[in-house]
PDB file of N, CA and C in Angstrom:
ATOM      1  N   MET A   1       0.062  15.287   0.025  1.00  0.00           N
ATOM      2  CA  MET A   1       0.794  13.636  -0.120  1.00  0.00           C
ATOM      3  C   MET A   1      -0.020  12.979   1.057  1.00  0.00           C
ATOM      4  N   GLU A   2      -0.088  11.799   1.575  1.00  0.00           N
ATOM      5  CA  GLU A   2      -0.858  11.513   2.568  1.00  0.00           C
ATOM      6  C   GLU A   2      -0.339  10.561   2.775  1.00  0.00           C
ATOM      7  N   ILE A   3       0.070  10.346   4.179  1.00  0.00           N
ATOM      8  CA  ILE A   3      -0.063   9.225   4.544  1.00  0.00           C
ATOM      9  C   ILE A   3      -0.586   8.235   4.854  1.00  0.00           C
ATOM     10  N   TYR A   4      -0.545   6.537   5.677  1.00  0.00           N
ATOM     11  CA  TYR A   4      -1.525   6.856   6.102  1.00  0.00           C
ATOM     12  C   TYR A   4      -0.721   5.681   7.700  1.00  0.00           C
ATOM     13  N   LEU A   5      -1.013   5.724   8.937  1.00  0.00           N
ATOM     14  CA  LEU A   5      -0.032   4.846   9.454  1.00  0.00           C
ATOM     15  C   LEU A   5      -1.784   3.301   9.906  1.00  0.00           C
ATOM     16  N   ASP A   6      -0.959   2.579   9.593  1.00  0.00           N
ATOM     17  CA  ASP A   6      -2.479   1.843  10.172  1.00  0.00           C
ATOM     18  C   ASP A   6      -2.473   1.231  11.771  1.00  0.00           C
ATOM     19  N   LYS A   7      -3.195   1.131  12.145  1.00  0.00           N
ATOM     20  CA  LYS A   7      -3.130   0.302  13.922  1.00  0.00           C
ATOM     21  C   LYS A   7      -1.857  -0.152  14.363  1.00  0.00           C
ATOM     22  N   ARG A   8      -1.070  -1.202  13.492  1.00  0.00           N
ATOM     23  CA  ARG A   8       0.197  -1.856  14.470  1.00  0.00           C
ATOM     24  C   ARG A   8       1.073  -0.533  14.030  1.00  0.00           C
ATOM     25  N   ALA A   9       1.013  -0.319  13.126  1.00  0.00           N
ATOM     26  CA  ALA A   9       2.590   1.097  12.531  1.00  0.00           C
ATOM     27  C   ALA A   9       2.413   1.556  13.994  1.00  0.00           C
ATOM     28  N   VAL A  10       1.484   1.961  14.523  1.00  0.00           N
ATOM     29  CA  VAL A  10       1.564   3.593  15.339  1.00  0.00           C
ATOM     30  C   VAL A  10       1.546   3.517  16.779  1.00  0.00           C
ATOM     31  N   LYS A  11       1.100   1.905  16.944  1.00  0.00           N
ATOM     32  CA  LYS A  11       1.126   0.873  18.247  1.00  0.00           C
ATOM     33  C   LYS A  11       2.692   0.829  18.028  1.00  0.00           C
ATOM     34  N   GLN A  12       3.612   0.287  17.134  1.00  0.00           N
ATOM     35  CA  GLN A  12       4.658   0.513  17.215  1.00  0.00           C
ATOM     36  C   GLN A  12       5.714   1.255  17.562  1.00  0.00           C
ATOM     37  N   ILE A  13       5.442   2.790  16.686  1.00  0.00           N
ATOM     38  CA  ILE A  13       6.334   4.057  17.185  1.00  0.00           C
ATOM     39  C   ILE A  13       6.112   4.523  18.866  1.00  0.00           C
ATOM     40  N   ARG A  14       4.514   3.824  19.283  1.00  0.00           N
ATOM     41  CA  ARG A  14       4.102   4.912  20.164  1.00  0.00           C
ATOM     42  C   ARG A  14       5.239   3.922  21.846  1.00  0.00           C
ATOM     43  N   LEU A  15       5.208   1.803  21.124  1.00  0.00           N
ATOM     44  CA  LEU A  15       5.506   1.393  21.986  1.00  0.00           C
ATOM     45  C   LEU A  15       7.843   2.041  21.832  1.00  0.00           C
ATOM     46  N   SER A  16       8.029   1.636  20.499  1.00  0.00           N
ATOM     47  CA  SER A  16       9.624   2.672  20.717  1.00  0.00           C
ATOM     48  C   SER A  16      10.107   3.651  20.780  1.00  0.00           C
ATOM     49  N   ALA A  17       9.159   4.889  21.216  1.00  0.00           N
ATOM     50  CA  ALA A  17       8.854   6.100  21.563  1.00  0.00           C
ATOM     51  C   ALA A  17       8.781   5.407  23.069  1.00  0.00           C
ATOM     52  N   THR A  18       8.020   5.460  23.295  1.00  0.00           N
ATOM     53  CA  THR A  18       8.533   4.880  24.891  1.00  0.00           C
ATOM     54  C   THR A  18       9.942   3.921  25.756  1.00  0.00           C
ATOM     55  N   ASP A  19      10.016   3.242  25.234  1.00  0.00           N
ATOM     56  CA  ASP A  19      10.968   3.367  25.495  1.00  0.00           C
ATOM     57  C   ASP A  19      12.335   3.817  24.970  1.00  0.00           C
ATOM     58  N   ALA A  20      12.441   4.795  24.215  1.00  0.00           N
ATOM     59  CA  ALA A  20      13.196   6.276  23.825  1.00  0.00           C
ATOM     60  C   ALA A  20      13.455   7.017  24.871  1.00  0.00           C
ATOM     61  N   VAL A  21      11.745   6.853  25.875  1.00  0.00           N
ATOM     62  CA  VAL A  21      11.928   7.966  26.821  1.00  0.00           C
ATOM     63  C   VAL A  21      12.480   7.734  28.314  1.00  0.00           C
ATOM     64  N   GLU A  22      12.281   5.828  28.098  1.00  0.00           N
ATOM     65  CA  GLU A  22      12.767   4.959  29.107  1.00  0.00           C
ATOM     66  C   GLU A  22      14.496   5.246  29.505  1.00  0.00           C
ATOM     67  N   GLU A  23      14.601   4.090  27.854  1.00  0.00           N
ATOM     68  CA  GLU A  23      16.191   4.084  27.681  1.00  0.00           C
ATOM     69  C   GLU A  23      17.405   5.376  26.919  1.00  0.00           C
ATOM     70  N   GLY A  24      16.351   6.652  27.129  1.00  0.00           N
ATOM     71  CA  GLY A  24      16.532   7.430  26.240  1.00  0.00           C
ATOM     72  C   GLY A  24      18.173   7.138  25.251  1.00  0.00           C
ATOM     73  N   ASP A  25      17.550   5.974  24.101  1.00  0.00           N
ATOM     74  CA  ASP A  25      18.170   6.206  22.950  1.00  0.00           C
ATOM     75  C   ASP A  25      17.158   5.521  22.307  1.00  0.00           C
ATOM     76  N   THR A  26      17.137   6.360  20.812  1.00  0.00           N
ATOM     77  CA  THR A  26      16.026   7.132  20.043  1.00  0.00           C
ATOM     78  C   THR A  26      16.416   6.235  18.068  1.00  0.00           C
ATOM     79  N   GLU A  27      17.315   5.873  17.863  1.00  0.00           N
ATOM     80  CA  GLU A  27      18.038   4.796  17.277  1.00  0.00           C
ATOM     81  C   GLU A  27      16.850   3.981  16.632  1.00  0.00           C
ATOM     82  N   THR A  28      16.429   2.673  17.630  1.00  0.00           N
ATOM     83  CA  THR A  28      15.054   1.625  17.400  1.00  0.00           C
ATOM     84  C   THR A  28      13.647   2.675  17.141  1.00  0.00           C
ATOM     85  N   LEU A  29      14.331   4.110  17.733  1.00  0.00           N
ATOM     86  CA  LEU A  29      12.925   4.222  16.835  1.00  0.00           C
ATOM     87  C   LEU A  29      12.773   4.925  15.788  1.00  0.00           C
ATOM     88  N   ARG A  30      13.913   5.845  15.621  1.00  0.00           N
ATOM     89  CA  ARG A  30      13.956   6.286  14.177  1.00  0.00           C
ATOM     90  C   ARG A  30      14.053   5.310  12.898  1.00  0.00           C
ATOM     91  N   GLU A  31      14.317   3.410  13.545  1.00  0.00           N
ATOM     92  CA  GLU A  31      13.769   2.598  12.071  1.00  0.00           C
ATOM     93  C   GLU A  31      12.599   1.830  12.210  1.00  0.00           C
ATOM     94  N   ASP A  32      11.367   2.730  13.446  1.00  0.00           N
ATOM     95  CA  ASP A  32      10.466   2.414  13.645  1.00  0.00           C
ATOM     96  C   ASP A  32      10.070   3.102  12.723  1.00  0.00           C
ATOM     97  N   ILE A  33       9.879   4.022  12.409  1.00  0.00           N
ATOM     98  CA  ILE A  33      10.023   5.178  12.225  1.00  0.00           C
ATOM     99  C   ILE A  33       9.323   4.525  10.948  1.00  0.00           C
ATOM    100  N   LEU A  34      10.648   4.732   9.727  1.00  0.00           N
ATOM    101  CA  LEU A  34      10.861   4.535   8.805  1.00  0.00           C
ATOM    102  C   LEU A  34      11.147   3.415   7.753  1.00  0.00           C
ATOM    103  N   GLU A  35      10.121   2.191   9.315  1.00  0.00           N
ATOM    104  CA  GLU A  35       9.806   1.087   8.097  1.00  0.00           C
ATOM    105  C   GLU A  35       7.909   0.996   8.704  1.00  0.00           C
ATOM    106  N   ALA A  36       7.669   1.728   9.241  1.00  0.00           N
ATOM    107  CA  ALA A  36       6.062   2.372   9.050  1.00  0.00           C
ATOM    108  C   ALA A  36       6.085   2.926   7.750  1.00  0.00           C
ATOM    109  N   SER A  37       6.441   3.646   6.747  1.00  0.00           N
ATOM    110  CA  SER A  37       6.715   3.405   5.769  1.00  0.00           C
ATOM    111  C   SER A  37       7.456   2.829   4.323  1.00  0.00           C
ATOM    112  N   THR A  38       6.835   3.870   2.857  1.00  0.00           N
ATOM    113  CA  THR A  38       6.586   2.981   2.384  1.00  0.00           C
ATOM    114  C   THR A  38       8.336   3.918   1.685  1.00  0.00           C
ATOM    115  N   ASP A  39       8.997   2.736   0.804  1.00  0.00           N
ATOM    116  CA  ASP A  39      10.279   3.083   0.672  1.00  0.00           C
ATOM    117  C   ASP A  39       9.279   4.309  -0.863  1.00  0.00           C
ATOM    118  N   GLU A  40       8.770   4.189  -1.576  1.00  0.00           N
ATOM    119  CA  GLU A  40       7.922   5.625  -2.146  1.00  0.00           C
ATOM    120  C   GLU A  40       7.519   6.233  -1.320  1.00  0.00           C
ATOM    121  N   GLN A  41       6.770   6.278  -0.395  1.00  0.00           N
ATOM    122  CA  GLN A  41       6.797   7.231   0.210  1.00  0.00           C
ATOM    123  C   GLN A  41       7.959   7.780   0.959  1.00  0.00           C
ATOM    124  N   ILE A  42       8.768   7.182   1.646  1.00  0.00           N
ATOM    125  CA  ILE A  42      10.379   7.934   1.445  1.00  0.00           C
ATOM    126  C   ILE A  42      10.282   8.830   0.695  1.00  0.00           C
ATOM    127  N   GLU A  43      10.628   7.828  -0.643  1.00  0.00           N
ATOM    128  CA  GLU A  43      11.111   8.975  -1.357  1.00  0.00           C
ATOM    129  C   GLU A  43      10.533  10.375  -2.227  1.00  0.00           C
ATOM    130  N   GLU A  44       8.888  10.144  -1.760  1.00  0.00           N
ATOM    131  CA  GLU A  44       8.473  11.104  -1.949  1.00  0.00           C
ATOM    132  C   GLU A  44       8.285  12.583  -1.059  1.00  0.00           C
ATOM    133  N   ILE A  45       8.882  12.150   0.379  1.00  0.00           N
ATOM    134  CA  ILE A  45       9.192  13.368   1.574  1.00  0.00           C
ATOM    135  C   ILE A  45      10.636  13.322   1.268  1.00  0.00           C
ATOM    136  N   GLU A  46      11.900  13.007   0.951  1.00  0.00           N
ATOM    137  CA  GLU A  46      12.997  13.440   0.348  1.00  0.00           C
ATOM    138  C   GLU A  46      13.313  14.217  -0.836  1.00  0.00           C
ATOM    139  N   ARG A  47      11.981  14.247  -1.429  1.00  0.00           N
ATOM    140  CA  ARG A  47      12.488  15.163  -2.363  1.00  0.00           C
ATOM    141  C   ARG A  47      11.767  16.215  -2.162  1.00  0.00           C
ATOM    142  N   ARG A  48      11.086  16.223  -1.282  1.00  0.00           N
ATOM    143  CA  ARG A  48      10.031  17.430  -0.485  1.00  0.00           C
ATOM    144  C   ARG A  48      10.577  17.889   0.677  1.00  0.00           C
ATOM    145  N   ILE A  49      11.536  17.392   1.397  1.00  0.00           N
ATOM    146  CA  ILE A  49      12.223  17.988   2.817  1.00  0.00           C
ATOM    147  C   ILE A  49      13.723  18.942   2.069  1.00  0.00           C
ATOM    148  N   ASP A  50      14.451  20.011   2.249  1.00  0.00           N
ATOM    149  CA  ASP A  50      15.422  20.184   2.334  1.00  0.00           C
ATOM    150  C   ASP A  50      16.817  19.768   2.416  1.00  0.00           C
ATOM    151  N   SER A  51      17.218  18.921   3.368  1.00  0.00           N
ATOM    152  CA  SER A  51      17.885  17.943   3.790  1.00  0.00           C
ATOM    153  C   SER A  51      18.414  16.722   2.481  1.00  0.00           C
ATOM    154  N   GLY A  52      16.723  16.629   2.473  1.00  0.00           N
ATOM    155  CA  GLY A  52      17.462  15.493   1.298  1.00  0.00           C
ATOM    156  C   GLY A  52      17.168  13.763   1.468  1.00  0.00           C
ATOM    157  N   ASP A  53      17.252  13.808   2.745  1.00  0.00           N
ATOM    158  CA  ASP A  53      17.761  12.040   3.600  1.00  0.00           C
ATOM    159  C   ASP A  53      16.165  11.805   4.010  1.00  0.00           C
ATOM    160  N   PHE A  54      15.740  11.416   4.704  1.00  0.00           N
ATOM    161  CA  PHE A  54      14.350  10.875   5.949  1.00  0.00           C
ATOM    162  C   PHE A  54      15.391  10.312   6.509  1.00  0.00           C
ATOM    163  N   TYR A  55      15.896  10.115   6.656  1.00  0.00           N
ATOM    164  CA  TYR A  55      17.014  10.636   8.454  1.00  0.00           C
ATOM    165  C   TYR A  55      17.175  10.872   8.804  1.00  0.00           C
ATOM    166  N   ASP A  56      17.914  11.772   8.320  1.00  0.00           N
ATOM    167  CA  ASP A  56      18.165  12.442   8.840  1.00  0.00           C
ATOM    168  C   ASP A  56      16.849  13.991   9.307  1.00  0.00           C
ATOM    169  N   PHE A  57      15.958  13.800   8.167  1.00  0.00           N
ATOM    170  CA  PHE A  57      15.168  14.597   8.872  1.00  0.00           C
ATOM    171  C   PHE A  57      14.873  14.258  10.665  1.00  0.00           C
ATOM    172  N   LEU A  58      14.728  13.135  10.673  1.00  0.00           N
ATOM    173  CA  LEU A  58      14.202  12.364  11.787  1.00  0.00           C
ATOM    174  C   LEU A  58      14.729  12.331  12.152  1.00  0.00           C
ATOM    175  N   THR A  59      16.199  12.418  12.126  1.00  0.00           N
ATOM    176  CA  THR A  59      17.587  13.419  13.277  1.00  0.00           C
ATOM    177  C   THR A  59      16.983  14.066  13.735  1.00  0.00           C
ATOM    178  N   GLU A  60      16.508  15.329  13.102  1.00  0.00           N
ATOM    179  CA  GLU A  60      16.301  16.417  13.923  1.00  0.00           C
ATOM    180  C   GLU A  60      14.820  16.649  14.660  1.00  0.00           C
ATOM    181  N   ILE A  61      13.941  16.059  13.918  1.00  0.00           N
ATOM    182  CA  ILE A  61      13.178  16.140  14.772  1.00  0.00           C
ATOM    183  C   ILE A  61      13.048  15.198  16.405  1.00  0.00           C
ATOM    184  N   MET A  62      13.604  14.336  16.717  1.00  0.00           N
ATOM    185  CA  MET A  62      14.171  13.236  17.583  1.00  0.00           C
ATOM    186  C   MET A  62      15.517  14.490  18.161  1.00  0.00           C
ATOM    187  N   ASP A  63      15.931  15.030  17.640  1.00  0.00           N
ATOM    188  CA  ASP A  63      17.083  16.645  18.649  1.00  0.00           C
ATOM    189  C   ASP A  63      16.137  17.806  18.928  1.00  0.00           C
ATOM    190  N   GLU A  64      14.592  17.677  18.985  1.00  0.00           N
ATOM    191  CA  GLU A  64      13.932  18.860  19.001  1.00  0.00           C
ATOM    192  C   GLU A  64      12.753  18.213  19.840  1.00  0.00           C
ATOM    193  N   TRP A  65      12.605  17.461  20.181  1.00  0.00           N
ATOM    194  CA  TRP A  65      12.308  16.213  20.554  1.00  0.00           C
ATOM    195  C   TRP A  65      12.462  16.082  22.311  1.00  0.00           C
ATOM    196  N   SER A  66      11.559  16.760  22.719  1.00  0.00           N
ATOM    197  CA  SER A  66      12.016  16.249  25.083  1.00  0.00           C
ATOM    198  C   SER A  66      12.245  15.081  24.996  1.00  0.00           C
ATOM    199  N   GLY A  67      11.932  13.976  24.716  1.00  0.00           N
ATOM    200  CA  GLY A  67      11.828  12.585  24.461  1.00  0.00           C
ATOM    201  C   GLY A  67      11.034  12.057  26.378  1.00  0.00           C
ATOM    202  N   ASP A  68      10.398  13.070  26.545  1.00  0.00           N
ATOM    203  CA  ASP A  68       9.628  13.003  27.839  1.00  0.00           C
ATOM    204  C   ASP A  68       7.476  12.328  26.898  1.00  0.00           C
ATOM    205  N   ASP A  69       7.801  13.280  26.339  1.00  0.00           N
ATOM    206  CA  ASP A  69       5.680  12.431  25.895  1.00  0.00           C
ATOM    207  C   ASP A  69       6.374  11.692  24.557  1.00  0.00           C
ATOM    208  N   VAL A  70       5.519  10.996  24.379  1.00  0.00           N
ATOM    209  CA  VAL A  70       5.660  10.213  23.038  1.00  0.00           C
ATOM    210  C   VAL A  70       4.584  11.178  22.513  1.00  0.00           C
ATOM    211  N   ASP A  71       3.523  12.203  21.960  1.00  0.00           N
ATOM    212  CA  ASP A  71       2.188  12.191  22.085  1.00  0.00           C
ATOM    213  C   ASP A  71       3.225  13.872  21.949  1.00  0.00           C
ATOM    214  N   GLU A  72       3.835  14.175  22.193  1.00  0.00           N
ATOM    215  CA  GLU A  72       4.748  15.700  21.542  1.00  0.00           C
ATOM    216  C   GLU A  72       5.259  15.197  20.104  1.00  0.00           C
ATOM    217  N   LEU A  73       6.004  13.740  20.409  1.00  0.00           N
ATOM    218  CA  LEU A  73       6.685  13.331  18.606  1.00  0.00           C
ATOM    219  C   LEU A  73       5.613  13.281  18.241  1.00  0.00           C
ATOM    220  N   PHE A  74       4.508  12.634  17.955  1.00  0.00           N
ATOM    221  CA  PHE A  74       3.546  13.248  17.137  1.00  0.00           C
ATOM    222  C   PHE A  74       3.220  14.114  16.397  1.00  0.00           C
ATOM    223  N   GLU A  75       3.403  14.766  17.498  1.00  0.00           N
ATOM    224  CA  GLU A  75       2.912  16.687  16.402  1.00  0.00           C
ATOM    225  C   GLU A  75       3.926  17.199  16.403  1.00  0.00           C
ATOM    226  N   LEU A  76       5.546  16.782  16.795  1.00  0.00           N
ATOM    227  CA  LEU A  76       6.523  17.757  15.930  1.00  0.00           C
ATOM    228  C   LEU A  76       6.597  16.446  14.753  1.00  0.00           C
ATOM    229  N   LEU A  77       6.621  15.139  13.359  1.00  0.00           N
ATOM    230  CA  LEU A  77       6.500  14.726  12.876  1.00  0.00           C
ATOM    231  C   LEU A  77       5.549  15.631  11.713  1.00  0.00           C
ATOM    232  N   GLU A  78       3.695  15.147  12.583  1.00  0.00           N
ATOM    233  CA  GLU A  78       3.462  15.641  12.011  1.00  0.00           C
ATOM    234  C   GLU A  78       3.027  16.839  11.159  1.00  0.00           C
ATOM    235  N   ALA A  79       3.534  18.661  12.370  1.00  0.00           N
ATOM    236  CA  ALA A  79       3.664  19.724  12.118  1.00  0.00           C
ATOM    237  C   ALA A  79       5.015  20.129  10.424  1.00  0.00           C
ATOM    238  N   HIS A  80       6.412  18.783  11.529  1.00  0.00           N
ATOM    239  CA  HIS A  80       7.579  18.538   9.596  1.00  0.00           C
ATOM    240  C   HIS A  80       7.045  18.366   8.903  1.00  0.00           C
ATOM    241  N   LEU A  81       6.557  17.806   8.592  1.00  0.00           N
ATOM    242  CA  LEU A  81       5.902  16.999   7.621  1.00  0.00           C
ATOM    243  C   LEU A  81       4.678  17.582   6.711  1.00  0.00           C
ATOM    244  N   ALA A  82       4.269  18.418   7.209  1.00  0.00           N
ATOM    245  CA  ALA A  82       2.912  19.575   7.064  1.00  0.00           C
ATOM    246  C   ALA A  82       3.444  20.568   6.273  1.00  0.00           C
ATOM    247  N   GLU A  83       4.550  21.429   7.119  1.00  0.00           N
ATOM    248  CA  GLU A  83       5.512  21.917   6.349  1.00  0.00           C
ATOM    249  C   GLU A  83       6.020  21.637   4.690  1.00  0.00           C
ATOM    250  N   ALA A  84       6.615  20.176   4.381  1.00  0.00           N
ATOM    251  CA  ALA A  84       7.230  19.667   3.842  1.00  0.00           C
ATOM    252  C   ALA A  84       6.205  19.003   3.107  1.00  0.00           C
ATOM    253  N   GLY A  85       4.545  19.945   3.134  1.00  0.00           N
ATOM    254  CA  GLY A  85       2.954  19.430   2.468  1.00  0.00           C
ATOM    255  C   GLY A  85       2.350  17.844   2.472  1.00  0.00           C
ATOM    256  N   VAL A  86       3.642  17.559   3.910  1.00  0.00           N
ATOM    257  CA  VAL A  86       2.805  15.647   3.995  1.00  0.00           C
ATOM    258  C   VAL A  86       2.266  15.746   5.059  1.00  0.00           C
ATOM    259  N   ASP A  87       0.769  14.933   4.937  1.00  0.00           N
ATOM    260  CA  ASP A  87      -0.194  14.644   6.277  1.00  0.00           C
ATOM    261  C   ASP A  87      -0.302  13.174   5.923  1.00  0.00           C
ATOM    262  N   ILE A  88       0.079  13.050   7.866  1.00  0.00           N
ATOM    263  CA  ILE A  88      -0.449  11.916   8.856  1.00  0.00           C
ATOM    264  C   ILE A  88      -1.665  11.692   8.379  1.00  0.00           C
ATOM    265  N   LYS A  89      -2.048  10.521   8.063  1.00  0.00           N
ATOM    266  CA  LYS A  89      -3.683   9.716   9.175  1.00  0.00           C
ATOM    267  C   LYS A  89      -3.303   8.567   9.353  1.00  0.00           C
ATOM    268  N   TYR A  90      -3.441   8.792  10.888  1.00  0.00           N
ATOM    269  CA  TYR A  90      -3.697   7.359  11.237  1.00  0.00           C
ATOM    270  C   TYR A  90      -5.374   6.553  11.267  1.00  0.00           C
ATOM    271  N   ALA A  91      -5.176   5.035  11.205  1.00  0.00           N
ATOM    272  CA  ALA A  91      -6.188   4.564  10.906  1.00  0.00           C
ATOM    273  C   ALA A  91      -7.477   5.027  12.445  1.00  0.00           C
ATOM    274  N   THR A  92      -8.465   5.208  11.688  1.00  0.00           N
ATOM    275  CA  THR A  92      -9.250   5.568  13.365  1.00  0.00           C
ATOM    276  C   THR A  92     -10.142   4.422  13.472  1.00  0.00           C
ATOM    277  N   ALA A  93     -10.393   4.811  14.686  1.00  0.00           N
ATOM    278  CA  ALA A  93     -10.881   4.071  15.701  1.00  0.00           C
ATOM    279  C   ALA A  93     -12.520   3.378  15.275  1.00  0.00           C
ATOM    280  N   GLU A  94     -12.818   3.894  14.667  1.00  0.00           N
ATOM    281  CA  GLU A  94     -14.344   3.427  14.260  1.00  0.00           C
ATOM    282  C   GLU A  94     -13.202   2.044  13.472  1.00  0.00           C
ATOM    283  N   VAL A  95     -13.213   2.086  11.820  1.00  0.00           N
ATOM    284  CA  VAL A  95     -12.096   1.003  11.054  1.00  0.00           C
ATOM    285  C   VAL A  95     -11.670  -0.060  12.117  1.00  0.00           C
ATOM    286  N   ASP A  96     -11.010   0.144  13.507  1.00  0.00           N
ATOM    287  CA  ASP A  96     -10.594  -0.326  14.319  1.00  0.00           C
ATOM    288  C   ASP A  96     -11.398  -1.542  14.749  1.00  0.00           C
ATOM    289  N   GLU A  97     -12.831  -0.471  14.857  1.00  0.00           N
ATOM    290  CA  GLU A  97     -13.987  -2.018  15.124  1.00  0.00           C
ATOM    291  C   GLU A  97     -14.751  -2.328  14.435  1.00  0.00           C
ATOM    292  N   GLU A  98     -14.455  -1.592  13.307  1.00  0.00           N
ATOM    293  CA  GLU A  98     -15.495  -2.539  12.638  1.00  0.00           C
ATOM    294  C   GLU A  98     -14.172  -3.805  12.177  1.00  0.00           C
ATOM    295  N   ASP A  99     -13.286  -3.874  12.078  1.00  0.00           N
ATOM    296  CA  ASP A  99     -11.857  -4.978  11.651  1.00  0.00           C
ATOM    297  C   ASP A  99     -12.276  -5.471  12.969  1.00  0.00           C
ATOM    298  N   GLU A 100     -12.214  -5.690  14.333  1.00  0.00           N
ATOM    299  CA  GLU A 100     -12.240  -5.647  15.236  1.00  0.00           C
ATOM    300  C   GLU A 100     -14.320  -6.974  15.535  1.00  0.00           C
ATOM    301  N   GLU A 101     -15.165  -6.712  14.502  1.00  0.00           N
ATOM    302  CA  GLU A 101     -16.382  -6.793  14.632  1.00  0.00           C
ATOM    303  C   GLU A 101     -16.670  -8.021  13.989  1.00  0.00           C
ATOM    304  N   GLU A 102     -15.712  -7.744  13.010  1.00  0.00           N
ATOM    305  CA  GLU A 102     -15.337  -8.795  11.519  1.00  0.00           C
ATOM    306  C   GLU A 102     -14.826 -10.584  12.306  1.00  0.00           C
ATOM    307  N   GLU A 103     -13.778 -10.020  12.781  1.00  0.00           N
ATOM    308  CA  GLU A 103     -12.718 -10.561  13.930  1.00  0.00           C
ATOM    309  C   GLU A 103     -14.104 -12.271  14.606  1.00  0.00           C
ATOM    310  N   ALA A 104     -15.311 -11.003  15.184  1.00  0.00           N
ATOM    311  CA  ALA A 104     -15.277 -12.033  16.474  1.00  0.00           C
ATOM    312  C   ALA A 104     -16.696 -12.243  15.944  1.00  0.00           C
ATOM    313  N   ASP A 105     -17.253 -12.226  14.352  1.00  0.00           N
ATOM    314  CA  ASP A 105     -17.594 -13.020  12.729  1.00  0.00           C
ATOM    315  C   ASP A 105     -17.831 -13.612  12.885  1.00  0.00           C
ATOM    316  N   ASP A 106     -16.429 -13.136  12.141  1.00  0.00           N
ATOM    317  CA  ASP A 106     -15.427 -15.099  11.747  1.00  0.00           C
ATOM    318  C   ASP A 106     -15.442 -16.043  13.058  1.00  0.00           C
ATOM    319  N   ASP A 107     -15.334 -16.261  14.595  1.00  0.00           N
ATOM    320  CA  ASP A 107     -14.771 -16.635  15.185  1.00  0.00           C
ATOM    321  C   ASP A 107     -16.290 -17.058  15.433  1.00  0.00           C
ATOM    322  N   ASP A 108     -17.752 -16.292  15.670  1.00  0.00           N
ATOM    323  CA  ASP A 108     -18.998 -16.565  16.365  1.00  0.00           C
ATOM    324  C   ASP A 108     -18.846 -18.113  14.897  1.00  0.00           C
ATOM    325  N   ASP A 109     -18.894 -17.790  13.844  1.00  0.00           N
ATOM    326  CA  ASP A 109     -19.218 -18.323  12.386  1.00  0.00           C
ATOM    327  C   ASP A 109     -18.399 -19.902  12.932  1.00  0.00           C
ATOM    328  N   GLU A 110     -17.518 -19.656  12.548  1.00  0.00           N
ATOM    329  CA  GLU A 110     -16.374 -20.807  13.499  1.00  0.00           C
ATOM    330  C   GLU A 110     -17.315 -22.079  14.258  1.00  0.00           C
ATOM    331  N   ASP A 111     -17.202 -20.975  15.422  1.00  0.00           N
ATOM    332  CA  ASP A 111     -18.761 -21.530  16.403  1.00  0.00           C
ATOM    333  C   ASP A 111     -19.336 -22.519  16.109  1.00  0.00           C
ATOM    334  N   GLU A 112     -20.026 -22.008  15.321  1.00  0.00           N
ATOM    335  CA  GLU A 112     -21.720 -23.110  14.806  1.00  0.00           C
ATOM    336  C   GLU A 112     -21.090 -23.783  14.177  1.00  0.00           C
ATOM    337  N   ASP A 113     -20.282 -23.829  12.911  1.00  0.00           N
ATOM    338  CA  ASP A 113     -19.828 -24.620  12.255  1.00  0.00           C
ATOM    339  C   ASP A 113     -19.295 -25.867  13.143  1.00  0.00           C
ATOM    340  N   ASP A 114     -18.360 -25.763  13.866  1.00  0.00           N
ATOM    341  CA  ASP A 114     -18.041 -26.806  15.827  1.00  0.00           C
ATOM    342  C   ASP A 114     -19.185 -27.193  15.693  1.00  0.00           C
ATOM    343  N   ASP A 115     -20.999 -26.124  16.421  1.00  0.00           N
ATOM    344  CA  ASP A 115     -21.929 -26.943  17.004  1.00  0.00           C
ATOM    345  C   ASP A 115     -22.039 -28.124  15.430  1.00  0.00           C
ATOM    346  N   LEU A 116     -22.206 -27.019  14.900  1.00  0.00           N
ATOM    347  CA  LEU A 116     -23.519 -28.827  13.780  1.00  0.00           C
ATOM    348  C   LEU A 116     -22.140 -29.341  13.556  1.00  0.00           C
ATOM    349  N   GLY A 117     -21.103 -29.559  13.328  1.00  0.00           N
ATOM    350  CA  GLY A 117     -20.527 -30.615  13.816  1.00  0.00           C
ATOM    351  C   GLY A 117     -20.431 -31.598  14.714  1.00  0.00           C
ATOM    352  N   THR A 118     -21.188 -31.338  15.693  1.00  0.00           N
ATOM    353  CA  THR A 118     -21.345 -32.331  16.744  1.00  0.00           C
ATOM    354  C   THR A 118     -23.116 -32.725  16.938  1.00  0.00           C
ATOM    355  N   VAL A 119     -23.658 -31.613  16.148  1.00  0.00           N
ATOM    356  CA  VAL A 119     -24.808 -32.423  15.562  1.00  0.00           C
ATOM    357  C   VAL A 119     -25.267 -33.331  15.336  1.00  0.00           C
ATOM    358  N   GLU A 120     -24.209 -33.520  13.557  1.00  0.00           N
ATOM    359  CA  GLU A 120     -24.441 -34.536  12.603  1.00  0.00           C
ATOM    360  C   GLU A 120     -23.501 -35.008  13.650  1.00  0.00           C
ATOM    361  N   GLU A 121     -23.041 -35.652  13.763  1.00  0.00           N
ATOM    362  CA  GLU A 121     -21.983 -36.658  14.742  1.00  0.00           C
ATOM    363  C   GLU A 121     -23.198 -37.223  15.851  1.00  0.00           C
ATOM    364  N   GLU A 122     -24.216 -36.694  16.371  1.00  0.00           N
ATOM    365  CA  GLU A 122     -24.985 -37.404  17.315  1.00  0.00           C
ATOM    366  C   GLU A 122     -26.068 -38.003  16.897  1.00  0.00           C
ATOM    367  N   GLU A 123     -26.754 -37.334  15.863  1.00  0.00           N
ATOM    368  CA  GLU A 123     -27.918 -38.051  14.724  1.00  0.00           C
ATOM    369  C   GLU A 123     -26.909 -39.316  13.889  1.00  0.00           C
ATOM    370  N   ASP A 124     -25.883 -39.426  13.647  1.00  0.00           N
ATOM    371  CA  ASP A 124     -25.446 -40.919  13.423  1.00  0.00           C
ATOM    372  C   ASP A 124     -25.109 -41.864  13.814  1.00  0.00           C
ATOM    373  N   GLU A 125     -24.843 -41.303  15.611  1.00  0.00           N
ATOM    374  CA  GLU A 125     -24.750 -42.406  16.312  1.00  0.00           C
ATOM    375  C   GLU A 125     -26.208 -42.519  16.896  1.00  0.00           C
ATOM    376  N   ASP A 126     -26.880 -42.373  17.169  1.00  0.00           N
ATOM    377  CA  ASP A 126     -28.591 -43.116  17.113  1.00  0.00           C
ATOM    378  C   ASP A 126     -28.929 -43.826  16.005  1.00  0.00           C
ATOM    379  N   ILE A 127     -28.159 -43.787  14.516  1.00  0.00           N
ATOM    380  CA  ILE A 127     -28.340 -44.581  13.676  1.00  0.00           C
ATOM    381  C   ILE A 127     -28.582 -45.850  14.301  1.00  0.00           C
TER     382      ILE A 127
END
């Protein structure tokens, strides 16, 4: 089984992990990790893990985590999920760049439309 985390989910988990490092509270972090997964993914993970409860599974990971390094948390998540037969995949930078390019192209198209409208208005005034 594979779980795909998009750029937004990874960013949210990283922010929560950073807050957890600073404040020492992992409750919000656990909730954000839960929210990054669909109900179907959580159910499948719960079938594969010994405890049968994803929240308890996350608690075990949080207890093992030193609380100092965000990357260590991701490594622990990957390792523990891999033991359960679940691979985590992340949105690649290449895909993100393509999305940004498409957004930039859309913005350029809007600018061109605005320019065309201005030209047409000027012609109407001359007539």
